PDB file of N, CA and C in Angstrom:
ATOM      1  N   MET A   1      27.215 -25.489  74.204  1.00  0.00           N
ATOM      2  CA  MET A   1      27.997 -25.792  75.775  1.00  0.00           C
ATOM      3  C   MET A   1      29.372 -24.978  75.784  1.00  0.00           C
ATOM      4  N   HIS A   2      29.384 -24.387  77.185  1.00  0.00           N
ATOM      5  CA  HIS A   2      30.043 -23.850  77.986  1.00  0.00           C
ATOM      6  C   HIS A   2      31.653 -24.720  77.955  1.00  0.00           C
ATOM      7  N   ASP A   3      32.932 -24.170  77.297  1.00  0.00           N
ATOM      8  CA  ASP A   3      33.462 -24.610  77.331  1.00  0.00           C
ATOM      9  C   ASP A   3      35.640 -23.534  78.350  1.00  0.00           C
ATOM     10  N   PRO A   4      35.164 -23.443  79.214  1.00  0.00           N
ATOM     11  CA  PRO A   4      36.176 -22.190  79.496  1.00  0.00           C
ATOM     12  C   PRO A   4      37.867 -22.340  78.903  1.00  0.00           C
ATOM     13  N   VAL A   5      38.348 -23.254  78.652  1.00  0.00           N
ATOM     14  CA  VAL A   5      39.729 -23.245  77.590  1.00  0.00           C
ATOM     15  C   VAL A   5      39.096 -22.633  76.569  1.00  0.00           C
ATOM     16  N   LEU A   6      38.491 -23.303  75.571  1.00  0.00           N
ATOM     17  CA  LEU A   6      38.556 -22.818  74.319  1.00  0.00           C
ATOM     18  C   LEU A   6      37.847 -21.399  74.744  1.00  0.00           C
ATOM     19  N   GLU A   7      36.909 -20.488  75.236  1.00  0.00           N
ATOM     20  CA  GLU A   7      36.702 -19.507  75.521  1.00  0.00           C
ATOM     21  C   GLU A   7      37.979 -18.265  76.296  1.00  0.00           C
ATOM     22  N   SER A   8      38.623 -19.082  76.858  1.00  0.00           N
ATOM     23  CA  SER A   8      39.757 -18.185  76.628  1.00  0.00           C
ATOM     24  C   SER A   8      40.856 -18.157  75.998  1.00  0.00           C
ATOM     25  N   HIS A   9      40.785 -18.678  75.336  1.00  0.00           N
ATOM     26  CA  HIS A   9      41.934 -18.328  73.984  1.00  0.00           C
ATOM     27  C   HIS A   9      41.153 -17.911  72.614  1.00  0.00           C
ATOM     28  N   HIS A  10      41.493 -17.108  72.698  1.00  0.00           N
ATOM     29  CA  HIS A  10      41.076 -15.914  71.163  1.00  0.00           C
ATOM     30  C   HIS A  10      41.761 -15.486  70.500  1.00  0.00           C
ATOM     31  N   LEU A  11      41.373 -16.153  69.376  1.00  0.00           N
ATOM     32  CA  LEU A  11      42.531 -15.514  68.461  1.00  0.00           C
ATOM     33  C   LEU A  11      42.066 -14.383  67.350  1.00  0.00           C
ATOM     34  N   VAL A  12      43.381 -13.265  67.364  1.00  0.00           N
ATOM     35  CA  VAL A  12      42.946 -12.334  66.779  1.00  0.00           C
ATOM     36  C   VAL A  12      43.487 -12.303  65.373  1.00  0.00           C
ATOM     37  N   CYS A  13      42.402 -12.387  64.812  1.00  0.00           N
ATOM     38  CA  CYS A  13      42.490 -12.290  62.973  1.00  0.00           C
ATOM     39  C   CYS A  13      41.710 -10.635  62.296  1.00  0.00           C
ATOM     40  N   GLU A  14      42.643 -10.871  61.277  1.00  0.00           N
ATOM     41  CA  GLU A  14      43.152  -9.524  60.763  1.00  0.00           C
ATOM     42  C   GLU A  14      41.777  -9.082  60.028  1.00  0.00           C
ATOM     43  N   LYS A  15      40.651  -8.345  58.845  1.00  0.00           N
ATOM     44  CA  LYS A  15      40.401  -7.959  58.497  1.00  0.00           C
ATOM     45  C   LYS A  15      41.101  -7.727  57.440  1.00  0.00           C
ATOM     46  N   PRO A  16      40.778  -7.906  56.137  1.00  0.00           N
ATOM     47  CA  PRO A  16      41.305  -7.138  54.968  1.00  0.00           C
ATOM     48  C   PRO A  16      41.016  -5.625  55.085  1.00  0.00           C
ATOM     49  N   GLN A  17      41.869  -5.177  54.086  1.00  0.00           N
ATOM     50  CA  GLN A  17      42.316  -3.447  54.401  1.00  0.00           C
ATOM     51  C   GLN A  17      42.557  -3.255  52.901  1.00  0.00           C
ATOM     52  N   THR A  18      42.468  -3.864  51.542  1.00  0.00           N
ATOM     53  CA  THR A  18      42.724  -3.366  50.438  1.00  0.00           C
ATOM     54  C   THR A  18      42.370  -4.433  49.655  1.00  0.00           C
ATOM     55  N   ARG A  19      41.608  -4.094  49.074  1.00  0.00           N
ATOM     56  CA  ARG A  19      41.516  -5.312  47.726  1.00  0.00           C
ATOM     57  C   ARG A  19      42.402  -6.230  46.792  1.00  0.00           C
ATOM     58  N   ARG A  20      42.906  -6.422  47.027  1.00  0.00           N
ATOM     59  CA  ARG A  20      43.844  -7.928  47.464  1.00  0.00           C
ATOM     60  C   ARG A  20      43.982  -8.264  48.290  1.00  0.00           C
ATOM     61  N   GLY A  21      43.278  -7.869  49.600  1.00  0.00           N
ATOM     62  CA  GLY A  21      43.481  -8.837  50.473  1.00  0.00           C
ATOM     63  C   GLY A  21      41.570  -9.363  50.542  1.00  0.00           C
ATOM     64  N   ILE A  22      40.614  -8.510  49.942  1.00  0.00           N
ATOM     65  CA  ILE A  22      39.319  -9.247  50.515  1.00  0.00           C
ATOM     66  C   ILE A  22      39.093  -9.979  49.096  1.00  0.00           C
ATOM     67  N   GLU A  23      40.017  -9.829  47.656  1.00  0.00           N
ATOM     68  CA  GLU A  23      40.233 -11.160  47.223  1.00  0.00           C
ATOM     69  C   GLU A  23      40.840 -12.306  47.276  1.00  0.00           C
ATOM     70  N   ARG A  24      42.043 -12.014  48.238  1.00  0.00           N
ATOM     71  CA  ARG A  24      42.758 -12.841  49.024  1.00  0.00           C
ATOM     72  C   ARG A  24      41.836 -14.048  49.873  1.00  0.00           C
ATOM     73  N   ARG A  25      41.084 -13.408  51.075  1.00  0.00           N
ATOM     74  CA  ARG A  25      39.815 -13.989  51.461  1.00  0.00           C
ATOM     75  C   ARG A  25      39.225 -14.973  51.350  1.00  0.00           C
ATOM     76  N   LEU A  26      38.880 -14.196  49.841  1.00  0.00           N
ATOM     77  CA  LEU A  26      37.219 -14.579  49.623  1.00  0.00           C
ATOM     78  C   LEU A  26      38.081 -15.887  48.665  1.00  0.00           C
ATOM     79  N   ALA A  27      38.356 -15.848  48.307  1.00  0.00           N
ATOM     80  CA  ALA A  27      39.432 -17.408  47.965  1.00  0.00           C
ATOM     81  C   ALA A  27      40.041 -17.786  48.547  1.00  0.00           C
ATOM     82  N   LEU A  28      40.181 -17.538  49.500  1.00  0.00           N
ATOM     83  CA  LEU A  28      40.778 -19.150  50.300  1.00  0.00           C
ATOM     84  C   LEU A  28      39.318 -19.124  50.930  1.00  0.00           C
ATOM     85  N   LEU A  29      38.655 -18.742  51.325  1.00  0.00           N
ATOM     86  CA  LEU A  29      36.997 -19.665  51.841  1.00  0.00           C
ATOM     87  C   LEU A  29      36.068 -20.001  50.682  1.00  0.00           C
ATOM     88  N   LEU A  30      36.249 -19.979  49.503  1.00  0.00           N
ATOM     89  CA  LEU A  30      35.718 -20.683  48.466  1.00  0.00           C
ATOM     90  C   LEU A  30      36.192 -21.826  48.278  1.00  0.00           C
ATOM     91  N   SER A  31      37.666 -21.553  48.294  1.00  0.00           N
ATOM     92  CA  SER A  31      38.432 -22.960  47.688  1.00  0.00           C
ATOM     93  C   SER A  31      38.116 -23.730  48.694  1.00  0.00           C
ATOM     94  N   ALA A  32      38.094 -23.306  50.422  1.00  0.00           N
ATOM     95  CA  ALA A  32      37.958 -23.889  51.526  1.00  0.00           C
ATOM     96  C   ALA A  32      36.477 -25.284  51.205  1.00  0.00           C
ATOM     97  N   THR A  33      35.435 -23.973  51.324  1.00  0.00           N
ATOM     98  CA  THR A  33      34.302 -24.358  51.165  1.00  0.00           C
ATOM     99  C   THR A  33      34.008 -25.944  50.268  1.00  0.00           C
ATOM    100  N   GLU A  34      35.006 -25.118  48.910  1.00  0.00           N
ATOM    101  CA  GLU A  34      34.576 -26.503  47.697  1.00  0.00           C
ATOM    102  C   GLU A  34      35.381 -27.564  48.292  1.00  0.00           C
ATOM    103  N   LEU A  35      36.664 -27.750  48.144  1.00  0.00           N
ATOM    104  CA  LEU A  35      36.973 -28.938  49.679  1.00  0.00           C
ATOM    105  C   LEU A  35      36.048 -29.966  51.105  1.00  0.00           C
ATOM    106  N   PHE A  36      36.091 -28.793  51.312  1.00  0.00           N
ATOM    107  CA  PHE A  36      35.025 -29.572  52.371  1.00  0.00           C
ATOM    108  C   PHE A  36      33.961 -30.058  51.847  1.00  0.00           C
ATOM    109  N   LEU A  37      33.143 -29.860  50.998  1.00  0.00           N
ATOM    110  CA  LEU A  37      32.159 -30.526  50.843  1.00  0.00           C
ATOM    111  C   LEU A  37      33.188 -31.595  49.799  1.00  0.00           C
ATOM    112  N   GLU A  38      34.004 -31.396  49.160  1.00  0.00           N
ATOM    113  CA  GLU A  38      33.815 -32.674  48.217  1.00  0.00           C
ATOM    114  C   GLU A  38      34.512 -33.613  49.177  1.00  0.00           C
ATOM    115  N   LYS A  39      35.424 -33.393  50.162  1.00  0.00           N
ATOM    116  CA  LYS A  39      36.160 -34.540  50.595  1.00  0.00           C
ATOM    117  C   LYS A  39      36.021 -34.580  52.150  1.00  0.00           C
ATOM    118  N   GLY A  40      35.329 -33.711  52.770  1.00  0.00           N
ATOM    119  CA  GLY A  40      34.941 -34.170  53.925  1.00  0.00           C
ATOM    120  C   GLY A  40      36.090 -33.256  55.155  1.00  0.00           C
ATOM    121  N   TYR A  41      35.498 -32.118  55.906  1.00  0.00           N
ATOM    122  CA  TYR A  41      36.579 -31.430  56.904  1.00  0.00           C
ATOM    123  C   TYR A  41      38.109 -31.722  57.303  1.00  0.00           C
ATOM    124  N   ASP A  42      37.596 -33.273  57.815  1.00  0.00           N
ATOM    125  CA  ASP A  42      38.700 -33.554  58.231  1.00  0.00           C
ATOM    126  C   ASP A  42      40.215 -33.841  57.150  1.00  0.00           C
ATOM    127  N   ALA A  43      39.562 -34.351  56.237  1.00  0.00           N
ATOM    128  CA  ALA A  43      40.414 -34.771  55.301  1.00  0.00           C
ATOM    129  C   ALA A  43      41.012 -34.101  54.154  1.00  0.00           C
ATOM    130  N   VAL A  44      40.370 -32.277  54.681  1.00  0.00           N
ATOM    131  CA  VAL A  44      41.181 -31.147  54.275  1.00  0.00           C
ATOM    132  C   VAL A  44      42.384 -30.649  54.715  1.00  0.00           C
ATOM    133  N   SER A  45      43.000 -31.253  54.432  1.00  0.00           N
ATOM    134  CA  SER A  45      44.294 -29.883  55.051  1.00  0.00           C
ATOM    135  C   SER A  45      44.896 -28.292  54.750  1.00  0.00           C
ATOM    136  N   LEU A  46      44.928 -27.303  55.684  1.00  0.00           N
ATOM    137  CA  LEU A  46      45.491 -26.033  55.220  1.00  0.00           C
ATOM    138  C   LEU A  46      46.861 -26.217  53.511  1.00  0.00           C
ATOM    139  N   ASP A  47      46.995 -27.185  53.206  1.00  0.00           N
ATOM    140  CA  ASP A  47      48.037 -27.031  52.760  1.00  0.00           C
ATOM    141  C   ASP A  47      47.500 -27.302  51.649  1.00  0.00           C
ATOM    142  N   ASP A  48      45.728 -28.299  51.413  1.00  0.00           N
ATOM    143  CA  ASP A  48      45.441 -28.935  49.978  1.00  0.00           C
ATOM    144  C   ASP A  48      44.016 -26.911  50.048  1.00  0.00           C
ATOM    145  N   ILE A  49      44.324 -26.698  51.331  1.00  0.00           N
ATOM    146  CA  ILE A  49      43.440 -25.402  50.750  1.00  0.00           C
ATOM    147  C   ILE A  49      44.678 -24.594  50.059  1.00  0.00           C
ATOM    148  N   VAL A  50      45.578 -24.023  50.133  1.00  0.00           N
ATOM    149  CA  VAL A  50      46.072 -23.006  49.438  1.00  0.00           C
ATOM    150  C   VAL A  50      46.506 -23.658  48.108  1.00  0.00           C
ATOM    151  N   ASN A  51      46.911 -25.223  48.848  1.00  0.00           N
ATOM    152  CA  ASN A  51      47.442 -25.775  46.742  1.00  0.00           C
ATOM    153  C   ASN A  51      46.210 -24.861  45.633  1.00  0.00           C
ATOM    154  N   HIS A  52      45.108 -24.791  46.095  1.00  0.00           N
ATOM    155  CA  HIS A  52      43.986 -24.399  45.249  1.00  0.00           C
ATOM    156  C   HIS A  52      43.543 -23.332  45.599  1.00  0.00           C
ATOM    157  N   ALA A  53      43.239 -22.335  46.473  1.00  0.00           N
ATOM    158  CA  ALA A  53      43.191 -21.111  46.460  1.00  0.00           C
ATOM    159  C   ALA A  53      43.706 -20.843  45.459  1.00  0.00           C
ATOM    160  N   GLY A  54      45.721 -20.488  45.783  1.00  0.00           N
ATOM    161  CA  GLY A  54      47.280 -19.953  45.825  1.00  0.00           C
ATOM    162  C   GLY A  54      47.021 -19.238  47.152  1.00  0.00           C
ATOM    163  N   GLY A  55      48.411 -18.466  46.983  1.00  0.00           N
ATOM    164  CA  GLY A  55      48.976 -18.253  48.179  1.00  0.00           C
ATOM    165  C   GLY A  55      49.339 -19.115  49.080  1.00  0.00           C
ATOM    166  N   SER A  56      49.284 -18.484  50.647  1.00  0.00           N
ATOM    167  CA  SER A  56      50.066 -19.498  51.964  1.00  0.00           C
ATOM    168  C   SER A  56      49.209 -19.571  52.825  1.00  0.00           C
ATOM    169  N   LYS A  57      49.593 -20.670  54.088  1.00  0.00           N
ATOM    170  CA  LYS A  57      49.211 -20.435  54.742  1.00  0.00           C
ATOM    171  C   LYS A  57      49.043 -19.573  56.276  1.00  0.00           C
ATOM    172  N   THR A  58      50.138 -18.159  55.776  1.00  0.00           N
ATOM    173  CA  THR A  58      50.047 -17.669  56.155  1.00  0.00           C
ATOM    174  C   THR A  58      48.547 -16.565  56.642  1.00  0.00           C
ATOM    175  N   SER A  59      48.322 -16.572  54.836  1.00  0.00           N
ATOM    176  CA  SER A  59      47.310 -16.105  55.216  1.00  0.00           C
ATOM    177  C   SER A  59      45.328 -16.353  55.654  1.00  0.00           C
ATOM    178  N   ILE A  60      45.736 -17.644  55.891  1.00  0.00           N
ATOM    179  CA  ILE A  60      44.948 -18.292  56.511  1.00  0.00           C
ATOM    180  C   ILE A  60      44.718 -18.105  58.059  1.00  0.00           C
ATOM    181  N   TYR A  61      46.064 -18.577  58.589  1.00  0.00           N
ATOM    182  CA  TYR A  61      46.331 -17.668  59.707  1.00  0.00           C
ATOM    183  C   TYR A  61      45.846 -16.511  60.030  1.00  0.00           C
ATOM    184  N   LYS A  62      46.134 -15.499  59.084  1.00  0.00           N
ATOM    185  CA  LYS A  62      45.837 -14.365  59.241  1.00  0.00           C
ATOM    186  C   LYS A  62      44.664 -13.496  58.834  1.00  0.00           C
ATOM    187  N   TYR A  63      43.997 -13.840  58.728  1.00  0.00           N
ATOM    188  CA  TYR A  63      42.693 -14.005  58.678  1.00  0.00           C
ATOM    189  C   TYR A  63      41.273 -14.742  59.571  1.00  0.00           C
ATOM    190  N   PHE A  64      41.875 -16.550  58.882  1.00  0.00           N
ATOM    191  CA  PHE A  64      41.135 -16.852  60.275  1.00  0.00           C
ATOM    192  C   PHE A  64      41.967 -17.400  61.112  1.00  0.00           C
ATOM    193  N   GLY A  65      42.526 -17.468  61.965  1.00  0.00           N
ATOM    194  CA  GLY A  65      43.596 -17.924  62.994  1.00  0.00           C
ATOM    195  C   GLY A  65      44.310 -19.138  62.696  1.00  0.00           C
ATOM    196  N   ASN A  66      42.958 -20.161  62.062  1.00  0.00           N
ATOM    197  CA  ASN A  66      43.617 -21.145  61.752  1.00  0.00           C
ATOM    198  C   ASN A  66      42.197 -22.674  60.735  1.00  0.00           C
ATOM    199  N   LYS A  67      42.200 -23.268  61.101  1.00  0.00           N
ATOM    200  CA  LYS A  67      41.511 -24.539  60.145  1.00  0.00           C
ATOM    201  C   LYS A  67      39.875 -23.919  60.335  1.00  0.00           C
ATOM    202  N   ASP A  68      40.226 -24.827  61.896  1.00  0.00           N
ATOM    203  CA  ASP A  68      38.309 -24.016  62.513  1.00  0.00           C
ATOM    204  C   ASP A  68      37.572 -22.950  62.574  1.00  0.00           C
ATOM    205  N   GLY A  69      38.547 -21.406  62.696  1.00  0.00           N
ATOM    206  CA  GLY A  69      37.740 -20.240  62.103  1.00  0.00           C
ATOM    207  C   GLY A  69      37.930 -19.625  60.906  1.00  0.00           C
ATOM    208  N   LEU A  70      38.747 -20.333  59.884  1.00  0.00           N
ATOM    209  CA  LEU A  70      38.263 -20.497  58.545  1.00  0.00           C
ATOM    210  C   LEU A  70      37.041 -21.618  58.199  1.00  0.00           C
ATOM    211  N   PHE A  71      36.949 -22.302  58.632  1.00  0.00           N
ATOM    212  CA  PHE A  71      34.939 -23.179  59.111  1.00  0.00           C
ATOM    213  C   PHE A  71      34.097 -22.312  59.557  1.00  0.00           C
ATOM    214  N   THR A  72      34.509 -21.386  60.614  1.00  0.00           N
ATOM    215  CA  THR A  72      33.414 -20.641  60.763  1.00  0.00           C
ATOM    216  C   THR A  72      33.639 -19.409  60.314  1.00  0.00           C
ATOM    217  N   ALA A  73      34.224 -19.255  59.940  1.00  0.00           N
ATOM    218  CA  ALA A  73      34.114 -17.885  58.609  1.00  0.00           C
ATOM    219  C   ALA A  73      33.325 -18.523  57.211  1.00  0.00           C
ATOM    220  N   ILE A  74      33.441 -19.445  57.179  1.00  0.00           N
ATOM    221  CA  ILE A  74      32.701 -20.403  56.080  1.00  0.00           C
ATOM    222  C   ILE A  74      31.522 -20.310  56.309  1.00  0.00           C
ATOM    223  N   CYS A  75      30.319 -20.122  57.546  1.00  0.00           N
ATOM    224  CA  CYS A  75      29.113 -20.579  57.857  1.00  0.00           C
ATOM    225  C   CYS A  75      29.033 -18.867  58.289  1.00  0.00           C
ATOM    226  N   ASP A  76      29.775 -18.485  58.847  1.00  0.00           N
ATOM    227  CA  ASP A  76      29.304 -16.439  58.374  1.00  0.00           C
ATOM    228  C   ASP A  76      29.108 -16.147  57.255  1.00  0.00           C
ATOM    229  N   TYR A  77      29.860 -16.338  56.287  1.00  0.00           N
ATOM    230  CA  TYR A  77      29.506 -16.206  55.018  1.00  0.00           C
ATOM    231  C   TYR A  77      27.871 -16.406  53.570  1.00  0.00           C
ATOM    232  N   ARG A  78      28.393 -17.968  54.308  1.00  0.00           N
ATOM    233  CA  ARG A  78      27.090 -18.701  54.049  1.00  0.00           C
ATOM    234  C   ARG A  78      26.076 -18.208  54.299  1.00  0.00           C
ATOM    235  N   ARG A  79      25.994 -18.077  55.593  1.00  0.00           N
ATOM    236  CA  ARG A  79      25.088 -17.591  56.155  1.00  0.00           C
ATOM    237  C   ARG A  79      24.245 -16.154  56.138  1.00  0.00           C
ATOM    238  N   GLU A  80      24.907 -15.238  55.925  1.00  0.00           N
ATOM    239  CA  GLU A  80      24.990 -14.030  55.066  1.00  0.00           C
ATOM    240  C   GLU A  80      24.389 -14.268  54.157  1.00  0.00           C
ATOM    241  N   MET A  81      24.981 -14.995  52.863  1.00  0.00           N
ATOM    242  CA  MET A  81      24.426 -14.848  50.913  1.00  0.00           C
ATOM    243  C   MET A  81      22.918 -15.333  51.483  1.00  0.00           C
ATOM    244  N   PHE A  82      22.338 -16.243  52.365  1.00  0.00           N
ATOM    245  CA  PHE A  82      21.902 -17.181  52.353  1.00  0.00           C
ATOM    246  C   PHE A  82      20.938 -16.096  52.314  1.00  0.00           C
ATOM    247  N   PHE A  83      20.856 -15.128  53.565  1.00  0.00           N
ATOM    248  CA  PHE A  83      19.848 -13.489  54.227  1.00  0.00           C
ATOM    249  C   PHE A  83      19.747 -12.482  53.420  1.00  0.00           C
ATOM    250  N   LYS A  84      21.114 -12.642  52.927  1.00  0.00           N
ATOM    251  CA  LYS A  84      21.040 -11.789  51.174  1.00  0.00           C
ATOM    252  C   LYS A  84      19.811 -11.868  50.177  1.00  0.00           C
ATOM    253  N   ASP A  85      19.960 -13.549  49.160  1.00  0.00           N
ATOM    254  CA  ASP A  85      19.099 -13.932  48.776  1.00  0.00           C
ATOM    255  C   ASP A  85      17.596 -13.818  48.795  1.00  0.00           C
ATOM    256  N   ILE A  86      17.319 -13.825  50.584  1.00  0.00           N
ATOM    257  CA  ILE A  86      15.682 -14.159  51.243  1.00  0.00           C
ATOM    258  C   ILE A  86      15.448 -13.078  50.872  1.00  0.00           C
ATOM    259  N   CYS A  87      16.408 -11.666  51.960  1.00  0.00           N
ATOM    260  CA  CYS A  87      15.923 -10.633  51.563  1.00  0.00           C
ATOM    261  C   CYS A  87      16.052  -9.828  50.364  1.00  0.00           C
ATOM    262  N   ALA A  88      17.162 -10.237  49.426  1.00  0.00           N
ATOM    263  CA  ALA A  88      16.363  -9.898  48.086  1.00  0.00           C
ATOM    264  C   ALA A  88      15.336 -10.015  47.364  1.00  0.00           C
ATOM    265  N   LEU A  89      14.465 -11.233  47.301  1.00  0.00           N
ATOM    266  CA  LEU A  89      13.978 -12.497  46.697  1.00  0.00           C
ATOM    267  C   LEU A  89      12.716 -11.565  47.153  1.00  0.00           C
ATOM    268  N   HIS A  90      12.608 -11.285  49.023  1.00  0.00           N
ATOM    269  CA  HIS A  90      11.252 -10.322  49.727  1.00  0.00           C
ATOM    270  C   HIS A  90      11.309  -9.439  49.145  1.00  0.00           C
ATOM    271  N   PHE A  91      12.027  -8.436  48.772  1.00  0.00           N
ATOM    272  CA  PHE A  91      12.346  -7.154  47.963  1.00  0.00           C
ATOM    273  C   PHE A  91      11.590  -7.157  46.468  1.00  0.00           C
ATOM    274  N   ASN A  92      12.011  -7.874  45.848  1.00  0.00           N
ATOM    275  CA  ASN A  92      12.148  -8.314  44.818  1.00  0.00           C
ATOM    276  C   ASN A  92       9.531  -8.733  44.489  1.00  0.00           C
ATOM    277  N   GLN A  93       9.329  -9.722  45.560  1.00  0.00           N
ATOM    278  CA  GLN A  93       8.165 -10.221  45.567  1.00  0.00           C
ATOM    279  C   GLN A  93       7.814  -8.657  45.887  1.00  0.00           C
ATOM    280  N   SER A  94       8.060  -8.100  46.679  1.00  0.00           N
ATOM    281  CA  SER A  94       7.237  -6.746  47.098  1.00  0.00           C
ATOM    282  C   SER A  94       7.165  -5.633  46.275  1.00  0.00           C
ATOM    283  N   LYS A  95       7.678  -5.780  45.404  1.00  0.00           N
ATOM    284  CA  LYS A  95       7.975  -5.021  43.714  1.00  0.00           C
ATOM    285  C   LYS A  95       6.655  -5.617  43.690  1.00  0.00           C
ATOM    286  N   LEU A  96       6.549  -6.059  43.672  1.00  0.00           N
ATOM    287  CA  LEU A  96       5.376  -6.583  42.570  1.00  0.00           C
ATOM    288  C   LEU A  96       3.940  -6.975  43.012  1.00  0.00           C
ATOM    289  N   LEU A  97       3.519  -7.139  43.875  1.00  0.00           N
ATOM    290  CA  LEU A  97       2.467  -6.015  44.530  1.00  0.00           C
ATOM    291  C   LEU A  97       1.856  -5.281  44.331  1.00  0.00           C
TER     292      LEU A  97
END
């Protein structure tokens, strides 16, 4: 669906540059995933995610822009993990043949 209002507003999110930043981003992603699955997206606040993962809302805004950006990052992460698993399975099966 084409929405010019949403497309005109681009969030600028930083990629973590340090090991600690990468770990912080992943912790937020995994905590948000767990909470969204447990309670539902609408029932979970950014404060809930921060309380579960540790850290601050500043990290969420820095790495994801907002709650929607965090959800999009979760989808991207899960898709990436799915395809890595599929590729590994295919590679392992190829070695057996």
